[in-house]
Amino acid sequence: MKIQEYLATNLKFYRKRNNLTQSQLAEKCGTSTNYIATIETGKKYPSPNTLEKIAKALKIDAIDLFQTEIKDENHILNVKMEQIKETLRISINNVLDEVVKP
């Protein structure tokens, strides 16, 4: 994976973790929504000044946007969410089976 791809993936992860839309993040950074979108898709690379503004808005260190482990953390969270959903699905089905017994 290229460094720009790590930046794109991590930016999106941290933005969502902070419950920000691209528009909200852009406003905090004094840039456009389209610019944030192009960074998140790996089409553009921000200047160091913009990178610092983004990191500050996301309440992280700028270096965190380049970490390779964040994808693994995100994957682990997704796996755990899927496990929770499956457990709930099974529990709901068990309750329905009890209620709808013939």
N, C-alpha and C. Protein backbone atom coordinates (compact mmCIF):
# COMPACT_ATOMS: atom_id res chain seq x y z
N MET A 1 0.85 -1.18 0.00
CA MET A 1 0.00 0.00 0.00
C MET A 1 0.89 1.24 0.00
N LYS A 2 0.49 2.23 -0.76
CA LYS A 2 1.25 3.48 -0.84
C LYS A 2 0.89 4.38 0.34
N ILE A 3 1.80 5.30 0.65
CA ILE A 3 1.60 6.20 1.79
C ILE A 3 0.32 7.01 1.62
N GLN A 4 0.00 7.39 0.39
CA GLN A 4 -1.21 8.16 0.14
C GLN A 4 -2.46 7.32 0.44
N GLU A 5 -2.37 6.02 0.22
CA GLU A 5 -3.50 5.14 0.52
C GLU A 5 -3.69 5.00 2.03
N TYR A 6 -2.59 4.94 2.77
CA TYR A 6 -2.70 4.90 4.23
C TYR A 6 -3.35 6.18 4.73
N LEU A 7 -2.91 7.31 4.20
CA LEU A 7 -3.49 8.59 4.58
C LEU A 7 -4.98 8.61 4.29
N ALA A 8 -5.37 8.17 3.11
CA ALA A 8 -6.78 8.17 2.73
C ALA A 8 -7.61 7.30 3.67
N THR A 9 -7.14 6.08 3.92
CA THR A 9 -7.85 5.14 4.79
C THR A 9 -7.94 5.67 6.22
N ASN A 10 -6.83 6.17 6.73
CA ASN A 10 -6.79 6.65 8.11
C ASN A 10 -7.61 7.92 8.30
N LEU A 11 -7.56 8.81 7.33
CA LEU A 11 -8.34 10.04 7.41
C LEU A 11 -9.82 9.70 7.54
N LYS A 12 -10.29 8.83 6.68
CA LYS A 12 -11.69 8.43 6.71
C LYS A 12 -12.04 7.77 8.05
N PHE A 13 -11.16 6.89 8.54
CA PHE A 13 -11.39 6.22 9.82
C PHE A 13 -11.52 7.22 10.96
N TYR A 14 -10.54 8.13 11.08
CA TYR A 14 -10.55 9.08 12.18
C TYR A 14 -11.70 10.08 12.04
N ARG A 15 -12.03 10.46 10.82
CA ARG A 15 -13.16 11.39 10.61
C ARG A 15 -14.44 10.74 11.11
N LYS A 16 -14.65 9.48 10.73
CA LYS A 16 -15.87 8.79 11.17
C LYS A 16 -15.85 8.54 12.67
N ARG A 17 -14.68 8.24 13.21
CA ARG A 17 -14.56 8.02 14.66
C ARG A 17 -14.95 9.27 15.44
N ASN A 18 -14.70 10.43 14.83
CA ASN A 18 -15.06 11.71 15.44
C ASN A 18 -16.47 12.16 15.06
N ASN A 19 -17.20 11.29 14.38
CA ASN A 19 -18.57 11.59 13.95
C ASN A 19 -18.66 12.88 13.15
N LEU A 20 -17.72 13.05 12.23
CA LEU A 20 -17.71 14.23 11.37
C LEU A 20 -18.01 13.84 9.94
N THR A 21 -18.75 14.67 9.25
CA THR A 21 -18.93 14.49 7.82
C THR A 21 -17.72 15.12 7.13
N GLN A 22 -17.56 14.85 5.86
CA GLN A 22 -16.48 15.49 5.12
C GLN A 22 -16.66 17.01 5.15
N SER A 23 -17.89 17.44 5.06
CA SER A 23 -18.20 18.88 5.07
C SER A 23 -17.83 19.52 6.41
N GLN A 24 -18.14 18.84 7.50
CA GLN A 24 -17.80 19.37 8.83
C GLN A 24 -16.30 19.44 9.03
N LEU A 25 -15.60 18.40 8.58
CA LEU A 25 -14.14 18.40 8.70
C LEU A 25 -13.54 19.52 7.85
N ALA A 26 -14.05 19.67 6.65
CA ALA A 26 -13.56 20.73 5.76
C ALA A 26 -13.73 22.10 6.39
N GLU A 27 -14.87 22.31 7.02
CA GLU A 27 -15.14 23.60 7.67
C GLU A 27 -14.14 23.85 8.80
N LYS A 28 -13.87 22.82 9.60
CA LYS A 28 -12.92 22.96 10.71
C LYS A 28 -11.50 23.26 10.21
N CYS A 29 -11.20 22.77 9.00
CA CYS A 29 -9.85 22.93 8.44
C CYS A 29 -9.73 24.13 7.51
N GLY A 30 -10.83 24.78 7.22
CA GLY A 30 -10.81 25.93 6.32
C GLY A 30 -10.55 25.54 4.87
N THR A 31 -11.10 24.40 4.49
CA THR A 31 -10.91 23.92 3.12
C THR A 31 -12.27 23.48 2.57
N SER A 32 -12.29 22.92 1.40
CA SER A 32 -13.56 22.51 0.80
C SER A 32 -13.86 21.03 1.06
N THR A 33 -15.13 20.71 0.99
CA THR A 33 -15.57 19.32 1.13
C THR A 33 -14.95 18.48 0.03
N ASN A 34 -14.92 19.02 -1.17
CA ASN A 34 -14.35 18.30 -2.31
C ASN A 34 -12.87 17.97 -2.07
N TYR A 35 -12.14 18.88 -1.46
CA TYR A 35 -10.73 18.64 -1.19
C TYR A 35 -10.55 17.50 -0.19
N ILE A 36 -11.36 17.49 0.87
CA ILE A 36 -11.30 16.39 1.84
C ILE A 36 -11.64 15.08 1.14
N ALA A 37 -12.64 15.09 0.28
CA ALA A 37 -13.03 13.88 -0.45
C ALA A 37 -11.90 13.38 -1.34
N THR A 38 -11.17 14.29 -1.98
CA THR A 38 -10.08 13.85 -2.85
C THR A 38 -8.90 13.30 -2.05
N ILE A 39 -8.72 13.78 -0.84
CA ILE A 39 -7.68 13.20 0.03
C ILE A 39 -8.11 11.80 0.46
N GLU A 40 -9.39 11.66 0.84
CA GLU A 40 -9.90 10.36 1.29
C GLU A 40 -9.91 9.31 0.19
N THR A 41 -9.92 9.74 -1.05
CA THR A 41 -9.88 8.79 -2.16
C THR A 41 -8.45 8.61 -2.69
N GLY A 42 -7.51 9.29 -2.09
CA GLY A 42 -6.11 9.14 -2.48
C GLY A 42 -5.73 9.89 -3.74
N LYS A 43 -6.58 10.79 -4.19
CA LYS A 43 -6.30 11.54 -5.42
C LYS A 43 -5.45 12.78 -5.18
N LYS A 44 -5.49 13.29 -3.96
CA LYS A 44 -4.71 14.48 -3.61
C LYS A 44 -3.96 14.22 -2.32
N TYR A 45 -2.89 14.98 -2.14
CA TYR A 45 -2.09 14.90 -0.94
C TYR A 45 -2.05 16.29 -0.33
N PRO A 46 -2.41 16.45 0.95
CA PRO A 46 -2.47 17.79 1.55
C PRO A 46 -1.09 18.36 1.84
N SER A 47 -1.03 19.67 1.91
CA SER A 47 0.21 20.34 2.31
C SER A 47 0.44 20.05 3.79
N PRO A 48 1.66 20.22 4.26
CA PRO A 48 1.93 20.01 5.70
C PRO A 48 1.04 20.88 6.59
N ASN A 49 0.78 22.10 6.16
CA ASN A 49 -0.07 23.01 6.93
C ASN A 49 -1.50 22.46 7.04
N THR A 50 -2.04 22.00 5.92
CA THR A 50 -3.39 21.43 5.92
C THR A 50 -3.42 20.13 6.71
N LEU A 51 -2.37 19.36 6.59
CA LEU A 51 -2.27 18.10 7.34
C LEU A 51 -2.34 18.37 8.85
N GLU A 52 -1.68 19.38 9.30
CA GLU A 52 -1.72 19.74 10.72
C GLU A 52 -3.12 20.19 11.13
N LYS A 53 -3.79 20.96 10.27
CA LYS A 53 -5.16 21.40 10.56
C LYS A 53 -6.11 20.20 10.65
N ILE A 54 -5.93 19.25 9.75
CA ILE A 54 -6.77 18.05 9.75
C ILE A 54 -6.55 17.27 11.04
N ALA A 55 -5.30 17.06 11.40
CA ALA A 55 -4.97 16.32 12.62
C ALA A 55 -5.55 17.01 13.86
N LYS A 56 -5.42 18.32 13.91
CA LYS A 56 -5.96 19.08 15.05
C LYS A 56 -7.47 18.92 15.12
N ALA A 57 -8.14 19.00 13.98
CA ALA A 57 -9.60 18.86 13.95
C ALA A 57 -10.03 17.46 14.38
N LEU A 58 -9.19 16.47 14.10
CA LEU A 58 -9.51 15.09 14.45
C LEU A 58 -8.99 14.71 15.83
N LYS A 59 -8.31 15.64 16.48
CA LYS A 59 -7.76 15.45 17.84
C LYS A 59 -6.76 14.29 17.89
N ILE A 60 -5.88 14.27 16.89
CA ILE A 60 -4.82 13.25 16.81
C ILE A 60 -3.53 13.93 16.42
N ASP A 61 -2.42 13.19 16.49
CA ASP A 61 -1.15 13.68 15.97
C ASP A 61 -1.15 13.42 14.47
N ALA A 62 -0.53 14.29 13.71
CA ALA A 62 -0.49 14.14 12.26
C ALA A 62 0.10 12.79 11.85
N ILE A 63 1.06 12.29 12.59
CA ILE A 63 1.70 11.01 12.26
C ILE A 63 0.70 9.86 12.29
N ASP A 64 -0.36 10.00 13.11
CA ASP A 64 -1.38 8.95 13.18
C ASP A 64 -2.06 8.72 11.83
N LEU A 65 -2.06 9.72 10.99
CA LEU A 65 -2.69 9.58 9.67
C LEU A 65 -1.88 8.70 8.72
N PHE A 66 -0.67 8.36 9.12
CA PHE A 66 0.19 7.54 8.26
C PHE A 66 0.49 6.16 8.85
N GLN A 67 -0.11 5.84 9.96
CA GLN A 67 0.13 4.55 10.61
C GLN A 67 -0.44 3.41 9.77
N THR A 68 0.29 2.31 9.74
CA THR A 68 -0.16 1.17 8.96
C THR A 68 -1.08 0.26 9.76
N GLU A 69 -1.09 0.39 11.08
CA GLU A 69 -1.89 -0.50 11.92
C GLU A 69 -3.35 -0.12 11.98
N ILE A 70 -3.69 1.08 11.65
CA ILE A 70 -5.07 1.53 11.80
C ILE A 70 -6.04 0.67 11.01
N LYS A 71 -5.61 0.19 9.85
CA LYS A 71 -6.48 -0.67 9.07
C LYS A 71 -6.79 -1.95 9.85
N ASP A 72 -5.78 -2.48 10.52
CA ASP A 72 -6.00 -3.67 11.33
C ASP A 72 -6.96 -3.38 12.47
N GLU A 73 -6.81 -2.22 13.11
CA GLU A 73 -7.72 -1.83 14.19
C GLU A 73 -9.14 -1.73 13.65
N ASN A 74 -9.28 -1.10 12.50
CA ASN A 74 -10.58 -0.95 11.87
C ASN A 74 -11.16 -2.33 11.54
N HIS A 75 -10.33 -3.21 11.03
CA HIS A 75 -10.78 -4.56 10.69
C HIS A 75 -11.25 -5.30 11.93
N ILE A 76 -10.49 -5.18 13.02
CA ILE A 76 -10.87 -5.83 14.27
C ILE A 76 -12.22 -5.31 14.75
N LEU A 77 -12.42 -4.00 14.67
CA LEU A 77 -13.70 -3.43 15.08
C LEU A 77 -14.83 -3.96 14.21
N ASN A 78 -14.61 -4.05 12.91
CA ASN A 78 -15.64 -4.57 12.01
C ASN A 78 -15.96 -6.03 12.32
N VAL A 79 -14.93 -6.83 12.60
CA VAL A 79 -15.14 -8.23 12.93
C VAL A 79 -15.94 -8.34 14.22
N LYS A 80 -15.59 -7.55 15.22
CA LYS A 80 -16.32 -7.58 16.49
C LYS A 80 -17.78 -7.17 16.29
N MET A 81 -18.02 -6.16 15.46
CA MET A 81 -19.39 -5.73 15.18
C MET A 81 -20.17 -6.84 14.50
N GLU A 82 -19.54 -7.53 13.58
CA GLU A 82 -20.21 -8.64 12.89
C GLU A 82 -20.54 -9.77 13.88
N GLN A 83 -19.63 -10.03 14.82
CA GLN A 83 -19.88 -11.05 15.84
C GLN A 83 -21.06 -10.65 16.72
N ILE A 84 -21.12 -9.39 17.09
CA ILE A 84 -22.23 -8.90 17.91
C ILE A 84 -23.54 -9.02 17.15
N LYS A 85 -23.53 -8.63 15.88
CA LYS A 85 -24.75 -8.74 15.06
C LYS A 85 -25.21 -10.20 14.97
N GLU A 86 -24.27 -11.11 14.76
CA GLU A 86 -24.62 -12.52 14.64
C GLU A 86 -25.19 -13.04 15.96
N THR A 87 -24.60 -12.66 17.07
CA THR A 87 -25.11 -13.08 18.38
C THR A 87 -26.52 -12.55 18.60
N LEU A 88 -26.74 -11.30 18.25
CA LEU A 88 -28.08 -10.72 18.38
C LEU A 88 -29.08 -11.42 17.47
N ARG A 89 -28.67 -11.71 16.25
CA ARG A 89 -29.55 -12.39 15.31
C ARG A 89 -29.97 -13.75 15.87
N ILE A 90 -29.02 -14.49 16.40
CA ILE A 90 -29.31 -15.80 16.98
C ILE A 90 -30.24 -15.65 18.18
N SER A 91 -29.97 -14.69 19.04
CA SER A 91 -30.80 -14.47 20.22
C SER A 91 -32.23 -14.10 19.84
N ILE A 92 -32.36 -13.23 18.87
CA ILE A 92 -33.69 -12.82 18.41
C ILE A 92 -34.43 -14.00 17.82
N ASN A 93 -33.74 -14.80 17.03
CA ASN A 93 -34.38 -15.99 16.45
C ASN A 93 -34.81 -16.97 17.53
N ASN A 94 -34.00 -17.14 18.56
CA ASN A 94 -34.36 -18.04 19.67
C ASN A 94 -35.60 -17.54 20.40
N VAL A 95 -35.67 -16.24 20.64
CA VAL A 95 -36.83 -15.65 21.32
C VAL A 95 -38.06 -15.83 20.44
N LEU A 96 -37.92 -15.56 19.16
CA LEU A 96 -39.07 -15.74 18.24
C LEU A 96 -39.52 -17.18 18.18
N ASP A 97 -38.58 -18.10 18.18
CA ASP A 97 -38.94 -19.52 18.17
C ASP A 97 -39.75 -19.88 19.41
N GLU A 98 -39.37 -19.31 20.57
CA GLU A 98 -40.09 -19.59 21.82
C GLU A 98 -41.49 -18.99 21.79
N VAL A 99 -41.60 -17.81 21.24
CA VAL A 99 -42.89 -17.12 21.22
C VAL A 99 -43.83 -17.74 20.20
N VAL A 100 -43.31 -18.22 19.10
CA VAL A 100 -44.12 -18.71 18.00
C VAL A 100 -44.15 -20.24 17.96
N LYS A 101 -43.93 -20.86 19.07
CA LYS A 101 -43.97 -22.32 19.12
C LYS A 101 -45.33 -22.83 18.68
N PRO A 102 -45.35 -23.88 17.83
CA PRO A 102 -46.66 -24.42 17.38
C PRO A 102 -47.37 -25.20 18.45
